[in-house]
Amino acid sequence: ADFVKGRFTISRDNAKNMLYLQMNSLTPEDTAVYY
């Protein structure tokens, strides 16, 4: 999404059935429930 502005990184590990979201430089506008 545009609001990420290079701050977040999505990744996955298929061997572990895992999905990740690394979030850096967080701001109050990022406050939400993440699904």
PDB file of all heavy atoms in Angstrom:
ATOM      1  N   ALA A   1       0.832  -1.186   0.000  1.00  0.00           N
ATOM      2  CA  ALA A   1       0.000   0.000   0.000  1.00  0.00           C
ATOM      3  C   ALA A   1       0.876   1.249   0.000  1.00  0.00           C
ATOM      4  O   ALA A   1       2.019   1.226   0.462  1.00  0.00           O
ATOM      5  CB  ALA A   1      -0.909   0.012   1.224  1.00  0.00           C
ATOM      6  N   ASP A   2       0.307   2.331  -0.514  1.00  0.00           N
ATOM      7  CA  ASP A   2       1.072   3.576  -0.598  1.00  0.00           C
ATOM      8  C   ASP A   2       1.518   4.066   0.772  1.00  0.00           C
ATOM      9  O   ASP A   2       2.608   4.640   0.903  1.00  0.00           O
ATOM     10  CB  ASP A   2       0.247   4.657  -1.289  1.00  0.00           C
ATOM     11  CG  ASP A   2       0.058   4.409  -2.772  1.00  0.00           C
ATOM     12  OD1 ASP A   2       0.840   3.631  -3.356  1.00  0.00           O
ATOM     13  OD2 ASP A   2      -0.874   4.995  -3.355  1.00  0.00           O
ATOM     14  N   PHE A   3       0.705   3.862   1.787  1.00  0.00           N
ATOM     15  CA  PHE A   3       1.046   4.404   3.096  1.00  0.00           C
ATOM     16  C   PHE A   3       2.216   3.694   3.752  1.00  0.00           C
ATOM     17  O   PHE A   3       2.733   4.169   4.756  1.00  0.00           O
ATOM     18  CB  PHE A   3      -0.178   4.399   4.028  1.00  0.00           C
ATOM     19  CG  PHE A   3      -0.787   3.046   4.273  1.00  0.00           C
ATOM     20  CD1 PHE A   3      -0.180   2.128   5.104  1.00  0.00           C
ATOM     21  CD2 PHE A   3      -1.995   2.702   3.677  1.00  0.00           C
ATOM     22  CE1 PHE A   3      -0.748   0.883   5.344  1.00  0.00           C
ATOM     23  CE2 PHE A   3      -2.574   1.462   3.904  1.00  0.00           C
ATOM     24  CZ  PHE A   3      -1.941   0.555   4.733  1.00  0.00           C
ATOM     25  N   VAL A   4       2.617   2.550   3.191  1.00  0.00           N
ATOM     26  CA  VAL A   4       3.774   1.854   3.737  1.00  0.00           C
ATOM     27  C   VAL A   4       5.044   2.676   3.556  1.00  0.00           C
ATOM     28  O   VAL A   4       5.898   2.738   4.452  1.00  0.00           O
ATOM     29  CB  VAL A   4       3.913   0.474   3.080  1.00  0.00           C
ATOM     30  CG1 VAL A   4       5.272  -0.149   3.410  1.00  0.00           C
ATOM     31  CG2 VAL A   4       2.789  -0.443   3.530  1.00  0.00           C
ATOM     32  N   LYS A   5       5.193   3.278   2.387  1.00  0.00           N
ATOM     33  CA  LYS A   5       6.311   4.176   2.078  1.00  0.00           C
ATOM     34  C   LYS A   5       7.668   3.573   2.406  1.00  0.00           C
ATOM     35  O   LYS A   5       8.559   4.237   2.945  1.00  0.00           O
ATOM     36  CB  LYS A   5       6.132   5.505   2.817  1.00  0.00           C
ATOM     37  CG  LYS A   5       4.928   6.298   2.378  1.00  0.00           C
ATOM     38  CD  LYS A   5       4.893   7.651   3.061  1.00  0.00           C
ATOM     39  CE  LYS A   5       3.678   8.464   2.638  1.00  0.00           C
ATOM     40  NZ  LYS A   5       3.656   8.744   1.193  1.00  0.00           N
ATOM     41  N   GLY A   6       7.846   2.305   2.086  1.00  0.00           N
ATOM     42  CA  GLY A   6       9.112   1.655   2.285  1.00  0.00           C
ATOM     43  C   GLY A   6       9.404   1.234   3.708  1.00  0.00           C
ATOM     44  O   GLY A   6      10.500   0.720   3.985  1.00  0.00           O
ATOM     45  N   ARG A   7       8.463   1.404   4.615  1.00  0.00           N
ATOM     46  CA  ARG A   7       8.707   1.102   6.021  1.00  0.00           C
ATOM     47  C   ARG A   7       8.460  -0.348   6.392  1.00  0.00           C
ATOM     48  O   ARG A   7       9.002  -0.820   7.394  1.00  0.00           O
ATOM     49  CB  ARG A   7       7.823   1.991   6.901  1.00  0.00           C
ATOM     50  CG  ARG A   7       8.068   3.488   6.722  1.00  0.00           C
ATOM     51  CD  ARG A   7       7.074   4.302   7.555  1.00  0.00           C
ATOM     52  NE  ARG A   7       5.694   4.081   7.122  1.00  0.00           N
ATOM     53  CZ  ARG A   7       4.689   3.761   7.936  1.00  0.00           C
ATOM     54  NH1 ARG A   7       4.909   3.615   9.246  1.00  0.00           N
ATOM     55  NH2 ARG A   7       3.470   3.585   7.455  1.00  0.00           N
ATOM     56  N   PHE A   8       7.631  -1.028   5.621  1.00  0.00           N
ATOM     57  CA  PHE A   8       7.232  -2.395   5.951  1.00  0.00           C
ATOM     58  C   PHE A   8       7.818  -3.373   4.939  1.00  0.00           C
ATOM     59  O   PHE A   8       8.019  -3.037   3.771  1.00  0.00           O
ATOM     60  CB  PHE A   8       5.707  -2.555   5.940  1.00  0.00           C
ATOM     61  CG  PHE A   8       4.962  -1.717   6.936  1.00  0.00           C
ATOM     62  CD1 PHE A   8       3.571  -1.737   6.934  1.00  0.00           C
ATOM     63  CD2 PHE A   8       5.607  -0.921   7.863  1.00  0.00           C
ATOM     64  CE1 PHE A   8       2.852  -0.985   7.846  1.00  0.00           C
ATOM     65  CE2 PHE A   8       4.909  -0.152   8.779  1.00  0.00           C
ATOM     66  CZ  PHE A   8       3.512  -0.191   8.763  1.00  0.00           C
ATOM     67  N   THR A   9       8.032  -4.591   5.396  1.00  0.00           N
ATOM     68  CA  THR A   9       8.510  -5.653   4.533  1.00  0.00           C
ATOM     69  C   THR A   9       7.701  -6.916   4.793  1.00  0.00           C
ATOM     70  O   THR A   9       7.639  -7.393   5.926  1.00  0.00           O
ATOM     71  CB  THR A   9       9.998  -5.947   4.763  1.00  0.00           C
ATOM     72  OG1 THR A   9      10.770  -4.771   4.547  1.00  0.00           O
ATOM     73  CG2 THR A   9      10.473  -7.032   3.797  1.00  0.00           C
ATOM     74  N   ILE A  10       7.085  -7.450   3.753  1.00  0.00           N
ATOM     75  CA  ILE A  10       6.358  -8.704   3.866  1.00  0.00           C
ATOM     76  C   ILE A  10       7.261  -9.834   3.391  1.00  0.00           C
ATOM     77  O   ILE A  10       8.032  -9.675   2.442  1.00  0.00           O
ATOM     78  CB  ILE A  10       5.043  -8.675   3.064  1.00  0.00           C
ATOM     79  CG1 ILE A  10       4.198  -9.917   3.363  1.00  0.00           C
ATOM     80  CG2 ILE A  10       5.305  -8.531   1.572  1.00  0.00           C
ATOM     81  CD1 ILE A  10       2.790  -9.863   2.766  1.00  0.00           C
ATOM     82  N   SER A  11       7.164 -10.970   4.056  1.00  0.00           N
ATOM     83  CA  SER A  11       7.959 -12.126   3.681  1.00  0.00           C
ATOM     84  C   SER A  11       7.234 -13.395   4.100  1.00  0.00           C
ATOM     85  O   SER A  11       6.244 -13.341   4.832  1.00  0.00           O
ATOM     86  CB  SER A  11       9.359 -12.072   4.306  1.00  0.00           C
ATOM     87  OG  SER A  11       9.283 -12.091   5.720  1.00  0.00           O
ATOM     88  N   ARG A  12       7.720 -14.522   3.629  1.00  0.00           N
ATOM     89  CA  ARG A  12       7.110 -15.798   3.982  1.00  0.00           C
ATOM     90  C   ARG A  12       8.170 -16.876   4.084  1.00  0.00           C
ATOM     91  O   ARG A  12       9.249 -16.776   3.495  1.00  0.00           O
ATOM     92  CB  ARG A  12       6.049 -16.197   2.956  1.00  0.00           C
ATOM     93  CG  ARG A  12       6.603 -16.405   1.549  1.00  0.00           C
ATOM     94  CD  ARG A  12       5.488 -16.616   0.551  1.00  0.00           C
ATOM     95  NE  ARG A  12       5.995 -16.600  -0.820  1.00  0.00           N
ATOM     96  CZ  ARG A  12       5.240 -16.497  -1.891  1.00  0.00           C
ATOM     97  NH1 ARG A  12       3.917 -16.395  -1.766  1.00  0.00           N
ATOM     98  NH2 ARG A  12       5.786 -16.487  -3.097  1.00  0.00           N
ATOM     99  N   ASP A  13       7.850 -17.900   4.831  1.00  0.00           N
ATOM    100  CA  ASP A  13       8.680 -19.080   4.954  1.00  0.00           C
ATOM    101  C   ASP A  13       7.765 -20.271   4.690  1.00  0.00           C
ATOM    102  O   ASP A  13       7.056 -20.723   5.583  1.00  0.00           O
ATOM    103  CB  ASP A  13       9.322 -19.164   6.333  1.00  0.00           C
ATOM    104  CG  ASP A  13      10.321 -20.297   6.448  1.00  0.00           C
ATOM    105  OD1 ASP A  13      10.231 -21.272   5.681  1.00  0.00           O
ATOM    106  OD2 ASP A  13      11.209 -20.207   7.317  1.00  0.00           O
ATOM    107  N   ASN A  14       7.776 -20.759   3.468  1.00  0.00           N
ATOM    108  CA  ASN A  14       6.852 -21.814   3.085  1.00  0.00           C
ATOM    109  C   ASN A  14       7.105 -23.112   3.849  1.00  0.00           C
ATOM    110  O   ASN A  14       6.166 -23.856   4.134  1.00  0.00           O
ATOM    111  CB  ASN A  14       6.941 -22.071   1.588  1.00  0.00           C
ATOM    112  CG  ASN A  14       6.423 -20.912   0.767  1.00  0.00           C
ATOM    113  OD1 ASN A  14       5.631 -20.102   1.247  1.00  0.00           O
ATOM    114  ND2 ASN A  14       6.856 -20.830  -0.484  1.00  0.00           N
ATOM    115  N   ALA A  15       8.352 -23.380   4.174  1.00  0.00           N
ATOM    116  CA  ALA A  15       8.679 -24.597   4.910  1.00  0.00           C
ATOM    117  C   ALA A  15       8.057 -24.596   6.298  1.00  0.00           C
ATOM    118  O   ALA A  15       7.786 -25.654   6.860  1.00  0.00           O
ATOM    119  CB  ALA A  15      10.189 -24.777   5.006  1.00  0.00           C
ATOM    120  N   LYS A  16       7.836 -23.418   6.850  1.00  0.00           N
ATOM    121  CA  LYS A  16       7.253 -23.289   8.183  1.00  0.00           C
ATOM    122  C   LYS A  16       5.791 -22.857   8.148  1.00  0.00           C
ATOM    123  O   LYS A  16       5.191 -22.660   9.208  1.00  0.00           O
ATOM    124  CB  LYS A  16       8.059 -22.296   9.016  1.00  0.00           C
ATOM    125  CG  LYS A  16       9.500 -22.711   9.268  1.00  0.00           C
ATOM    126  CD  LYS A  16      10.227 -21.669  10.100  1.00  0.00           C
ATOM    127  CE  LYS A  16      11.662 -22.081  10.367  1.00  0.00           C
ATOM    128  NZ  LYS A  16      12.392 -21.061  11.166  1.00  0.00           N
ATOM    129  N   ASN A  17       5.232 -22.690   6.954  1.00  0.00           N
ATOM    130  CA  ASN A  17       3.856 -22.210   6.799  1.00  0.00           C
ATOM    131  C   ASN A  17       3.653 -20.877   7.516  1.00  0.00           C
ATOM    132  O   ASN A  17       2.651 -20.663   8.199  1.00  0.00           O
ATOM    133  CB  ASN A  17       2.850 -23.236   7.323  1.00  0.00           C
ATOM    134  CG  ASN A  17       2.914 -24.557   6.595  1.00  0.00           C
ATOM    135  OD1 ASN A  17       3.403 -24.636   5.477  1.00  0.00           O
ATOM    136  ND2 ASN A  17       2.407 -25.606   7.231  1.00  0.00           N
ATOM    137  N   MET A  18       4.605 -19.985   7.343  1.00  0.00           N
ATOM    138  CA  MET A  18       4.589 -18.719   8.060  1.00  0.00           C
ATOM    139  C   MET A  18       4.594 -17.537   7.099  1.00  0.00           C
ATOM    140  O   MET A  18       5.222 -17.576   6.041  1.00  0.00           O
ATOM    141  CB  MET A  18       5.787 -18.604   8.993  1.00  0.00           C
ATOM    142  CG  MET A  18       5.808 -19.626  10.119  1.00  0.00           C
ATOM    143  SD  MET A  18       4.520 -19.329  11.354  1.00  0.00           S
ATOM    144  CE  MET A  18       5.094 -17.787  12.074  1.00  0.00           C
ATOM    145  N   LEU A  19       3.917 -16.499   7.504  1.00  0.00           N
ATOM    146  CA  LEU A  19       3.907 -15.216   6.819  1.00  0.00           C
ATOM    147  C   LEU A  19       4.277 -14.139   7.829  1.00  0.00           C
ATOM    148  O   LEU A  19       3.834 -14.190   8.978  1.00  0.00           O
ATOM    149  CB  LEU A  19       2.527 -14.934   6.231  1.00  0.00           C
ATOM    150  CG  LEU A  19       2.365 -13.669   5.397  1.00  0.00           C
ATOM    151  CD1 LEU A  19       3.047 -13.830   4.042  1.00  0.00           C
ATOM    152  CD2 LEU A  19       0.886 -13.343   5.214  1.00  0.00           C
ATOM    153  N   TYR A  20       5.069 -13.172   7.393  1.00  0.00           N
ATOM    154  CA  TYR A  20       5.574 -12.158   8.303  1.00  0.00           C
ATOM    155  C   TYR A  20       5.344 -10.760   7.749  1.00  0.00           C
ATOM    156  O   TYR A  20       5.239 -10.553   6.546  1.00  0.00           O
ATOM    157  CB  TYR A  20       7.075 -12.329   8.549  1.00  0.00           C
ATOM    158  CG  TYR A  20       7.479 -13.687   9.048  1.00  0.00           C
ATOM    159  CD1 TYR A  20       7.996 -14.647   8.178  1.00  0.00           C
ATOM    160  CD2 TYR A  20       7.351 -14.018  10.398  1.00  0.00           C
ATOM    161  CE1 TYR A  20       8.377 -15.891   8.634  1.00  0.00           C
ATOM    162  CE2 TYR A  20       7.732 -15.266  10.855  1.00  0.00           C
ATOM    163  CZ  TYR A  20       8.243 -16.197   9.972  1.00  0.00           C
ATOM    164  OH  TYR A  20       8.618 -17.434  10.434  1.00  0.00           O
ATOM    165  N   LEU A  21       5.299  -9.808   8.647  1.00  0.00           N
ATOM    166  CA  LEU A  21       5.294  -8.406   8.275  1.00  0.00           C
ATOM    167  C   LEU A  21       6.202  -7.661   9.242  1.00  0.00           C
ATOM    168  O   LEU A  21       5.871  -7.515  10.420  1.00  0.00           O
ATOM    169  CB  LEU A  21       3.887  -7.805   8.311  1.00  0.00           C
ATOM    170  CG  LEU A  21       3.789  -6.350   7.870  1.00  0.00           C
ATOM    171  CD1 LEU A  21       4.065  -6.235   6.370  1.00  0.00           C
ATOM    172  CD2 LEU A  21       2.424  -5.760   8.207  1.00  0.00           C
ATOM    173  N   GLN A  22       7.333  -7.210   8.749  1.00  0.00           N
ATOM    174  CA  GLN A  22       8.235  -6.385   9.531  1.00  0.00           C
ATOM    175  C   GLN A  22       7.825  -4.936   9.347  1.00  0.00           C
ATOM    176  O   GLN A  22       7.779  -4.441   8.222  1.00  0.00           O
ATOM    177  CB  GLN A  22       9.681  -6.590   9.081  1.00  0.00           C
ATOM    178  CG  GLN A  22      10.688  -5.714   9.813  1.00  0.00           C
ATOM    179  CD  GLN A  22      10.813  -6.060  11.270  1.00  0.00           C
ATOM    180  OE1 GLN A  22      10.931  -7.235  11.618  1.00  0.00           O
ATOM    181  NE2 GLN A  22      10.792  -5.056  12.138  1.00  0.00           N
ATOM    182  N   MET A  23       7.540  -4.256  10.439  1.00  0.00           N
ATOM    183  CA  MET A  23       7.083  -2.879  10.409  1.00  0.00           C
ATOM    184  C   MET A  23       8.080  -2.004  11.146  1.00  0.00           C
ATOM    185  O   MET A  23       8.339  -2.206  12.336  1.00  0.00           O
ATOM    186  CB  MET A  23       5.696  -2.749  11.038  1.00  0.00           C
ATOM    187  CG  MET A  23       4.646  -3.641  10.390  1.00  0.00           C
ATOM    188  SD  MET A  23       2.975  -3.310  11.018  1.00  0.00           S
ATOM    189  CE  MET A  23       3.173  -3.861  12.724  1.00  0.00           C
ATOM    190  N   ASN A  24       8.622  -1.037  10.447  1.00  0.00           N
ATOM    191  CA  ASN A  24       9.578  -0.097  11.012  1.00  0.00           C
ATOM    192  C   ASN A  24       9.037   1.322  10.903  1.00  0.00           C
ATOM    193  O   ASN A  24       8.120   1.596  10.137  1.00  0.00           O
ATOM    194  CB  ASN A  24      10.923  -0.193  10.291  1.00  0.00           C
ATOM    195  CG  ASN A  24      11.545  -1.566  10.363  1.00  0.00           C
ATOM    196  OD1 ASN A  24      11.453  -2.245  11.389  1.00  0.00           O
ATOM    197  ND2 ASN A  24      12.207  -1.976   9.288  1.00  0.00           N
ATOM    198  N   SER A  25       9.638   2.218  11.660  1.00  0.00           N
ATOM    199  CA  SER A  25       9.266   3.637  11.630  1.00  0.00           C
ATOM    200  C   SER A  25       7.767   3.830  11.799  1.00  0.00           C
ATOM    201  O   SER A  25       7.130   4.584  11.066  1.00  0.00           O
ATOM    202  CB  SER A  25       9.750   4.281  10.324  1.00  0.00           C
ATOM    203  OG  SER A  25      11.147   4.157  10.184  1.00  0.00           O
ATOM    204  N   LEU A  26       7.215   3.156  12.771  1.00  0.00           N
ATOM    205  CA  LEU A  26       5.775   3.200  12.978  1.00  0.00           C
ATOM    206  C   LEU A  26       5.320   4.575  13.458  1.00  0.00           C
ATOM    207  O   LEU A  26       6.036   5.260  14.197  1.00  0.00           O
ATOM    208  CB  LEU A  26       5.360   2.136  13.984  1.00  0.00           C
ATOM    209  CG  LEU A  26       5.402   0.703  13.443  1.00  0.00           C
ATOM    210  CD1 LEU A  26       5.398  -0.302  14.579  1.00  0.00           C
ATOM    211  CD2 LEU A  26       4.220   0.460  12.505  1.00  0.00           C
ATOM    212  N   THR A  27       4.131   4.952  13.026  1.00  0.00           N
ATOM    213  CA  THR A  27       3.513   6.212  13.415  1.00  0.00           C
ATOM    214  C   THR A  27       2.153   5.935  14.035  1.00  0.00           C
ATOM    215  O   THR A  27       1.598   4.845  13.875  1.00  0.00           O
ATOM    216  CB  THR A  27       3.342   7.146  12.210  1.00  0.00           C
ATOM    217  OG1 THR A  27       2.266   6.681  11.388  1.00  0.00           O
ATOM    218  CG2 THR A  27       4.611   7.208  11.383  1.00  0.00           C
ATOM    219  N   PRO A  28       1.588   6.911  14.761  1.00  0.00           N
ATOM    220  CA  PRO A  28       0.250   6.690  15.323  1.00  0.00           C
ATOM    221  C   PRO A  28      -0.800   6.330  14.281  1.00  0.00           C
ATOM    222  O   PRO A  28      -1.770   5.632  14.609  1.00  0.00           O
ATOM    223  CB  PRO A  28      -0.063   8.036  15.986  1.00  0.00           C
ATOM    224  CG  PRO A  28       1.274   8.573  16.369  1.00  0.00           C
ATOM    225  CD  PRO A  28       2.188   8.165  15.250  1.00  0.00           C
ATOM    226  N   GLU A  29      -0.619   6.770  13.040  1.00  0.00           N
ATOM    227  CA  GLU A  29      -1.564   6.444  11.980  1.00  0.00           C
ATOM    228  C   GLU A  29      -1.546   4.963  11.611  1.00  0.00           C
ATOM    229  O   GLU A  29      -2.453   4.492  10.920  1.00  0.00           O
ATOM    230  CB  GLU A  29      -1.278   7.287  10.735  1.00  0.00           C
ATOM    231  CG  GLU A  29      -1.642   8.767  10.877  1.00  0.00           C
ATOM    232  CD  GLU A  29      -0.700   9.516  11.814  1.00  0.00           C
ATOM    233  OE1 GLU A  29       0.507   9.177  11.853  1.00  0.00           O
ATOM    234  OE2 GLU A  29      -1.170  10.434  12.504  1.00  0.00           O
ATOM    235  N   ASP A  30      -0.535   4.250  12.052  1.00  0.00           N
ATOM    236  CA  ASP A  30      -0.475   2.814  11.815  1.00  0.00           C
ATOM    237  C   ASP A  30      -1.284   2.016  12.824  1.00  0.00           C
ATOM    238  O   ASP A  30      -1.393   0.793  12.697  1.00  0.00           O
ATOM    239  CB  ASP A  30       0.978   2.327  11.835  1.00  0.00           C
ATOM    240  CG  ASP A  30       1.805   2.909  10.703  1.00  0.00           C
ATOM    241  OD1 ASP A  30       1.306   2.924   9.554  1.00  0.00           O
ATOM    242  OD2 ASP A  30       2.948   3.338  10.958  1.00  0.00           O
ATOM    243  N   THR A  31      -1.823   2.676  13.828  1.00  0.00           N
ATOM    244  CA  THR A  31      -2.621   1.991  14.834  1.00  0.00           C
ATOM    245  C   THR A  31      -3.851   1.362  14.192  1.00  0.00           C
ATOM    246  O   THR A  31      -4.645   2.042  13.546  1.00  0.00           O
ATOM    247  CB  THR A  31      -3.046   2.961  15.940  1.00  0.00           C
ATOM    248  OG1 THR A  31      -1.883   3.446  16.621  1.00  0.00           O
ATOM    249  CG2 THR A  31      -3.953   2.272  16.946  1.00  0.00           C
ATOM    250  N   ALA A  32      -3.993   0.063  14.363  1.00  0.00           N
ATOM    251  CA  ALA A  32      -5.090  -0.679  13.752  1.00  0.00           C
ATOM    252  C   ALA A  32      -5.002  -2.128  14.201  1.00  0.00           C
ATOM    253  O   ALA A  32      -4.017  -2.547  14.817  1.00  0.00           O
ATOM    254  CB  ALA A  32      -5.017  -0.606  12.225  1.00  0.00           C
ATOM    255  N   VAL A  33      -6.033  -2.883  13.872  1.00  0.00           N
ATOM    256  CA  VAL A  33      -5.962  -4.328  13.980  1.00  0.00           C
ATOM    257  C   VAL A  33      -5.451  -4.859  12.653  1.00  0.00           C
ATOM    258  O   VAL A  33      -6.000  -4.545  11.594  1.00  0.00           O
ATOM    259  CB  VAL A  33      -7.324  -4.955  14.315  1.00  0.00           C
ATOM    260  CG1 VAL A  33      -7.212  -6.474  14.358  1.00  0.00           C
ATOM    261  CG2 VAL A  33      -7.833  -4.421  15.647  1.00  0.00           C
ATOM    262  N   TYR A  34      -4.404  -5.646  12.709  1.00  0.00           N
ATOM    263  CA  TYR A  34      -3.787  -6.196  11.514  1.00  0.00           C
ATOM    264  C   TYR A  34      -4.193  -7.649  11.349  1.00  0.00           C
ATOM    265  O   TYR A  34      -4.102  -8.438  12.289  1.00  0.00           O
ATOM    266  CB  TYR A  34      -2.263  -6.072  11.591  1.00  0.00           C
ATOM    267  CG  TYR A  34      -1.776  -4.657  11.365  1.00  0.00           C
ATOM    268  CD1 TYR A  34      -1.999  -3.667  12.311  1.00  0.00           C
ATOM    269  CD2 TYR A  34      -1.112  -4.310  10.190  1.00  0.00           C
ATOM    270  CE1 TYR A  34      -1.579  -2.361  12.096  1.00  0.00           C
ATOM    271  CE2 TYR A  34      -0.683  -3.016   9.969  1.00  0.00           C
ATOM    272  CZ  TYR A  34      -0.918  -2.047  10.924  1.00  0.00           C
ATOM    273  OH  TYR A  34      -0.488  -0.754  10.701  1.00  0.00           O
ATOM    274  N   TYR A  35      -4.626  -7.992  10.141  1.00  0.00           N
ATOM    275  CA  TYR A  35      -5.145  -9.315   9.845  1.00  0.00           C
ATOM    276  C   TYR A  35      -4.297 -10.015   8.799  1.00  0.00           C
ATOM    277  O   TYR A  35      -4.001  -9.444   7.750  1.00  0.00           O
ATOM    278  CB  TYR A  35      -6.575  -9.237   9.315  1.00  0.00           C
ATOM    279  CG  TYR A  35      -7.585  -8.675  10.289  1.00  0.00           C
ATOM    280  CD1 TYR A  35      -7.831  -7.312  10.352  1.00  0.00           C
ATOM    281  CD2 TYR A  35      -8.296  -9.520  11.137  1.00  0.00           C
ATOM    282  CE1 TYR A  35      -8.762  -6.794  11.240  1.00  0.00           C
ATOM    283  CE2 TYR A  35      -9.227  -9.009  12.023  1.00  0.00           C
ATOM    284  CZ  TYR A  35      -9.456  -7.648  12.066  1.00  0.00           C
ATOM    285  OH  TYR A  35     -10.390  -7.139  12.938  1.00  0.00           O
TER     286      TYR A  35
END
